[in-house]
Amino acid sequence: MATDYDAPRKSEDDNNESIEALKARRPDNAGSIDSEDADNPSSFDLPGADLSNVELDVVVLPPQEDEFTCMSCFLVKHRSQLDHDGADGPICRDCAA
């Protein structure tokens, strides 16, 4: 059986309440939102994860001889990904496509 997905869907329990009636029935939660928390996304806490005292040790390697930095996307890529070395610098295959 074919279904017309563009036809308006109506069910028997649809009632035509006004917007005012729906707004009156809705609980007023607008005043309970803390504006300081809404403006500061860094206050988001992960449950059970206290990462405040964690230090990250990162080793940064110098550019390798078989790598280049694409001047379009600024990603470090292997020389096999080099499309061309233009006037502005090397461009990878992904950016040249």
N, C-alpha and C. Protein backbone atom coordinates (compact mmCIF):
# COMPACT_ATOMS: atom_id res chain seq x y z
N MET A 1 0.85 -1.17 0.00
CA MET A 1 0.00 0.00 0.00
C MET A 1 0.89 1.24 0.00
N ALA A 2 0.61 2.18 -0.84
CA ALA A 2 1.39 3.40 -0.95
C ALA A 2 0.99 4.38 0.16
N THR A 3 1.98 5.07 0.67
CA THR A 3 1.74 6.04 1.74
C THR A 3 2.07 7.43 1.23
N ASP A 4 1.17 8.33 1.43
CA ASP A 4 1.39 9.73 1.05
C ASP A 4 2.02 10.44 2.23
N TYR A 5 3.35 10.64 2.16
CA TYR A 5 4.06 11.27 3.28
C TYR A 5 3.85 12.78 3.34
N ASP A 6 3.32 13.37 2.29
CA ASP A 6 3.07 14.80 2.28
C ASP A 6 1.71 15.16 2.88
N ALA A 7 0.86 14.17 3.07
CA ALA A 7 -0.47 14.43 3.63
C ALA A 7 -0.33 14.77 5.11
N PRO A 8 -1.11 15.72 5.59
CA PRO A 8 -1.04 16.06 7.02
C PRO A 8 -1.49 14.88 7.87
N ARG A 9 -0.77 14.67 8.95
CA ARG A 9 -1.07 13.55 9.84
C ARG A 9 -1.95 14.04 10.98
N LYS A 10 -3.05 13.36 11.15
CA LYS A 10 -3.98 13.71 12.23
C LYS A 10 -4.30 12.43 12.97
N SER A 11 -4.29 12.54 14.26
CA SER A 11 -4.72 11.40 15.08
C SER A 11 -5.99 11.79 15.80
N GLU A 12 -6.64 10.81 16.38
CA GLU A 12 -7.92 11.08 17.03
C GLU A 12 -7.76 11.89 18.30
N ASP A 13 -6.57 11.81 18.95
CA ASP A 13 -6.41 12.54 20.20
C ASP A 13 -5.80 13.93 20.00
N ASP A 14 -5.70 14.38 18.75
CA ASP A 14 -5.23 15.75 18.50
C ASP A 14 -6.29 16.74 18.93
N ASN A 15 -5.89 17.67 19.80
CA ASN A 15 -6.83 18.72 20.15
C ASN A 15 -6.22 20.04 19.72
N ASN A 16 -7.06 20.95 19.42
CA ASN A 16 -6.64 22.23 18.88
C ASN A 16 -6.58 23.27 19.99
N GLU A 17 -5.61 23.11 20.90
CA GLU A 17 -5.46 24.07 21.97
C GLU A 17 -4.75 25.31 21.45
N SER A 18 -5.08 26.42 22.04
CA SER A 18 -4.43 27.66 21.64
C SER A 18 -3.03 27.72 22.24
N ILE A 19 -2.21 28.60 21.69
CA ILE A 19 -0.85 28.77 22.18
C ILE A 19 -0.88 29.28 23.62
N GLU A 20 -1.82 30.13 23.94
CA GLU A 20 -1.93 30.65 25.30
C GLU A 20 -2.21 29.52 26.29
N ALA A 21 -3.05 28.57 25.91
CA ALA A 21 -3.36 27.46 26.80
C ALA A 21 -2.15 26.56 26.98
N LEU A 22 -1.39 26.35 25.92
CA LEU A 22 -0.18 25.54 26.03
C LEU A 22 0.87 26.23 26.88
N LYS A 23 1.02 27.56 26.73
CA LYS A 23 1.98 28.30 27.54
C LYS A 23 1.60 28.28 29.02
N ALA A 24 0.30 28.34 29.30
CA ALA A 24 -0.16 28.33 30.68
C ALA A 24 0.07 26.97 31.32
N ARG A 25 0.00 25.92 30.55
CA ARG A 25 0.19 24.57 31.06
C ARG A 25 1.67 24.23 31.25
N ARG A 26 2.57 24.93 30.54
CA ARG A 26 4.00 24.66 30.61
C ARG A 26 4.56 25.20 31.92
N PRO A 27 5.42 24.42 32.60
CA PRO A 27 6.03 24.94 33.83
C PRO A 27 7.03 26.04 33.50
N ASP A 28 7.13 27.01 34.37
CA ASP A 28 8.02 28.15 34.14
C ASP A 28 9.41 27.80 34.67
N ASN A 29 10.30 27.36 33.78
CA ASN A 29 11.66 27.01 34.16
C ASN A 29 12.65 28.09 33.74
N ALA A 30 12.19 29.16 33.16
CA ALA A 30 13.10 30.18 32.65
C ALA A 30 13.85 30.86 33.78
N GLY A 31 13.23 31.02 34.95
CA GLY A 31 13.89 31.68 36.06
C GLY A 31 14.85 30.79 36.81
N SER A 32 14.78 29.49 36.61
CA SER A 32 15.63 28.58 37.37
C SER A 32 16.99 28.35 36.73
N ILE A 33 17.22 28.85 35.54
CA ILE A 33 18.50 28.68 34.87
C ILE A 33 19.48 29.70 35.42
N ASP A 34 20.62 29.22 35.88
CA ASP A 34 21.65 30.11 36.42
C ASP A 34 22.39 30.73 35.25
N SER A 35 22.31 32.05 35.13
CA SER A 35 22.92 32.72 33.97
C SER A 35 24.43 32.60 34.00
N GLU A 36 25.03 32.48 35.17
CA GLU A 36 26.48 32.35 35.23
C GLU A 36 26.91 31.01 34.63
N ASP A 37 26.17 29.94 34.92
CA ASP A 37 26.49 28.65 34.36
C ASP A 37 26.22 28.60 32.86
N ALA A 38 25.20 29.31 32.41
CA ALA A 38 24.88 29.30 30.99
C ALA A 38 25.93 30.04 30.18
N ASP A 39 26.55 31.06 30.77
CA ASP A 39 27.56 31.83 30.06
C ASP A 39 28.94 31.20 30.14
N ASN A 40 29.14 30.25 31.04
CA ASN A 40 30.45 29.68 31.28
C ASN A 40 30.42 28.18 31.00
N PRO A 41 30.72 27.77 29.75
CA PRO A 41 30.66 26.33 29.46
C PRO A 41 31.76 25.55 30.14
N SER A 42 32.79 26.21 30.68
CA SER A 42 33.84 25.47 31.36
C SER A 42 33.39 24.94 32.70
N SER A 43 32.23 25.34 33.17
CA SER A 43 31.73 24.85 34.45
C SER A 43 31.07 23.48 34.31
N PHE A 44 31.07 22.92 33.12
CA PHE A 44 30.49 21.60 32.90
C PHE A 44 31.33 20.55 33.61
N ASP A 45 30.73 19.75 34.47
CA ASP A 45 31.45 18.75 35.23
C ASP A 45 31.11 17.36 34.71
N LEU A 46 32.14 16.56 34.52
CA LEU A 46 31.94 15.18 34.15
C LEU A 46 31.68 14.39 35.42
N PRO A 47 30.69 13.51 35.43
CA PRO A 47 30.41 12.75 36.64
C PRO A 47 31.54 11.76 36.94
N GLY A 48 32.07 11.83 38.15
CA GLY A 48 33.10 10.90 38.58
C GLY A 48 34.47 11.16 38.01
N ALA A 49 34.70 12.30 37.39
CA ALA A 49 36.00 12.58 36.79
C ALA A 49 36.53 13.89 37.33
N ASP A 50 37.48 13.80 38.23
CA ASP A 50 38.13 15.00 38.75
C ASP A 50 39.49 15.11 38.07
N LEU A 51 39.57 15.95 37.07
CA LEU A 51 40.79 16.11 36.29
C LEU A 51 41.51 17.40 36.62
N SER A 52 41.21 17.99 37.76
CA SER A 52 41.79 19.29 38.10
C SER A 52 43.28 19.21 38.40
N ASN A 53 43.77 18.08 38.87
CA ASN A 53 45.18 17.95 39.23
C ASN A 53 45.99 17.16 38.21
N VAL A 54 45.44 16.93 37.03
CA VAL A 54 46.12 16.13 36.02
C VAL A 54 47.01 17.04 35.18
N GLU A 55 48.26 16.62 35.02
CA GLU A 55 49.18 17.34 34.15
C GLU A 55 49.47 16.47 32.95
N LEU A 56 49.47 17.07 31.79
CA LEU A 56 49.73 16.33 30.56
C LEU A 56 51.17 16.55 30.13
N ASP A 57 51.86 15.47 29.83
CA ASP A 57 53.21 15.56 29.29
C ASP A 57 53.13 15.23 27.81
N VAL A 58 53.48 16.19 26.97
CA VAL A 58 53.40 16.03 25.54
C VAL A 58 54.78 16.22 24.96
N VAL A 59 55.18 15.27 24.13
CA VAL A 59 56.47 15.38 23.45
C VAL A 59 56.20 15.86 22.03
N VAL A 60 56.75 17.00 21.69
CA VAL A 60 56.57 17.55 20.35
C VAL A 60 57.80 17.19 19.53
N LEU A 61 57.57 16.47 18.44
CA LEU A 61 58.66 16.07 17.57
C LEU A 61 58.91 17.14 16.52
N PRO A 62 60.14 17.35 16.14
CA PRO A 62 60.42 18.30 15.07
C PRO A 62 59.94 17.72 13.74
N PRO A 63 59.77 18.57 12.73
CA PRO A 63 59.32 18.05 11.43
C PRO A 63 60.29 17.00 10.89
N GLN A 64 59.74 15.91 10.41
CA GLN A 64 60.55 14.83 9.86
C GLN A 64 60.86 15.12 8.40
N GLU A 65 61.85 14.47 7.86
CA GLU A 65 62.26 14.72 6.48
C GLU A 65 61.20 14.27 5.47
N ASP A 66 60.38 13.29 5.85
CA ASP A 66 59.37 12.78 4.93
C ASP A 66 57.99 13.39 5.19
N GLU A 67 57.93 14.54 5.85
CA GLU A 67 56.67 15.22 6.15
C GLU A 67 56.68 16.64 5.59
N PHE A 68 55.48 17.17 5.40
CA PHE A 68 55.32 18.56 5.00
C PHE A 68 54.06 19.10 5.65
N THR A 69 53.95 20.40 5.75
CA THR A 69 52.76 21.04 6.27
C THR A 69 52.00 21.66 5.12
N CYS A 70 50.76 21.22 4.92
CA CYS A 70 49.93 21.76 3.84
C CYS A 70 49.60 23.22 4.16
N MET A 71 49.78 24.09 3.21
CA MET A 71 49.52 25.51 3.41
C MET A 71 48.04 25.86 3.24
N SER A 72 47.20 24.87 2.94
CA SER A 72 45.77 25.12 2.83
C SER A 72 45.05 24.69 4.11
N CYS A 73 45.31 23.47 4.58
CA CYS A 73 44.63 22.97 5.78
C CYS A 73 45.54 22.98 7.01
N PHE A 74 46.81 23.25 6.82
CA PHE A 74 47.81 23.34 7.89
C PHE A 74 47.98 22.05 8.68
N LEU A 75 47.75 20.93 8.03
CA LEU A 75 47.99 19.64 8.66
C LEU A 75 49.34 19.11 8.22
N VAL A 76 50.00 18.39 9.11
CA VAL A 76 51.27 17.76 8.78
C VAL A 76 50.95 16.43 8.10
N LYS A 77 51.47 16.26 6.89
CA LYS A 77 51.17 15.07 6.09
C LYS A 77 52.46 14.43 5.63
N HIS A 78 52.37 13.16 5.24
CA HIS A 78 53.49 12.44 4.68
C HIS A 78 53.73 12.91 3.24
N ARG A 79 54.96 12.82 2.78
CA ARG A 79 55.30 13.28 1.42
C ARG A 79 54.49 12.57 0.35
N SER A 80 54.01 11.37 0.62
CA SER A 80 53.20 10.66 -0.36
C SER A 80 51.86 11.37 -0.60
N GLN A 81 51.46 12.27 0.30
CA GLN A 81 50.21 13.01 0.16
C GLN A 81 50.39 14.35 -0.55
N LEU A 82 51.62 14.67 -0.95
CA LEU A 82 51.90 15.94 -1.61
C LEU A 82 51.31 15.95 -3.01
N ASP A 83 50.49 16.95 -3.31
CA ASP A 83 49.94 17.09 -4.65
C ASP A 83 50.84 17.97 -5.48
N HIS A 84 51.14 19.16 -5.01
CA HIS A 84 52.06 20.05 -5.71
C HIS A 84 52.66 21.04 -4.73
N ASP A 85 53.80 21.55 -5.10
CA ASP A 85 54.47 22.56 -4.30
C ASP A 85 54.35 23.87 -5.06
N GLY A 86 53.31 24.64 -4.73
CA GLY A 86 53.00 25.86 -5.47
C GLY A 86 53.75 27.06 -4.95
N ALA A 87 53.38 28.23 -5.45
CA ALA A 87 54.03 29.48 -5.05
C ALA A 87 53.75 29.79 -3.58
N ASP A 88 52.59 29.36 -3.07
CA ASP A 88 52.24 29.62 -1.67
C ASP A 88 52.77 28.54 -0.74
N GLY A 89 53.30 27.47 -1.28
CA GLY A 89 53.82 26.40 -0.46
C GLY A 89 53.20 25.07 -0.86
N PRO A 90 53.56 24.01 -0.15
CA PRO A 90 53.04 22.68 -0.52
C PRO A 90 51.54 22.54 -0.22
N ILE A 91 50.86 21.83 -1.10
CA ILE A 91 49.42 21.57 -0.99
C ILE A 91 49.20 20.07 -1.01
N CYS A 92 48.38 19.55 -0.10
CA CYS A 92 48.12 18.10 -0.05
C CYS A 92 47.09 17.71 -1.10
N ARG A 93 46.96 16.42 -1.30
CA ARG A 93 46.01 15.90 -2.31
C ARG A 93 44.56 16.21 -1.93
N ASP A 94 44.26 16.17 -0.63
CA ASP A 94 42.88 16.43 -0.19
C ASP A 94 42.46 17.86 -0.52
N CYS A 95 43.37 18.83 -0.30
CA CYS A 95 43.03 20.22 -0.56
C CYS A 95 43.06 20.56 -2.04
N ALA A 96 43.86 19.85 -2.80
CA ALA A 96 43.96 20.11 -4.24
C ALA A 96 42.75 19.56 -4.99
N ALA A 97 42.04 18.62 -4.39
CA ALA A 97 40.89 17.98 -5.07
C ALA A 97 39.71 18.91 -5.15
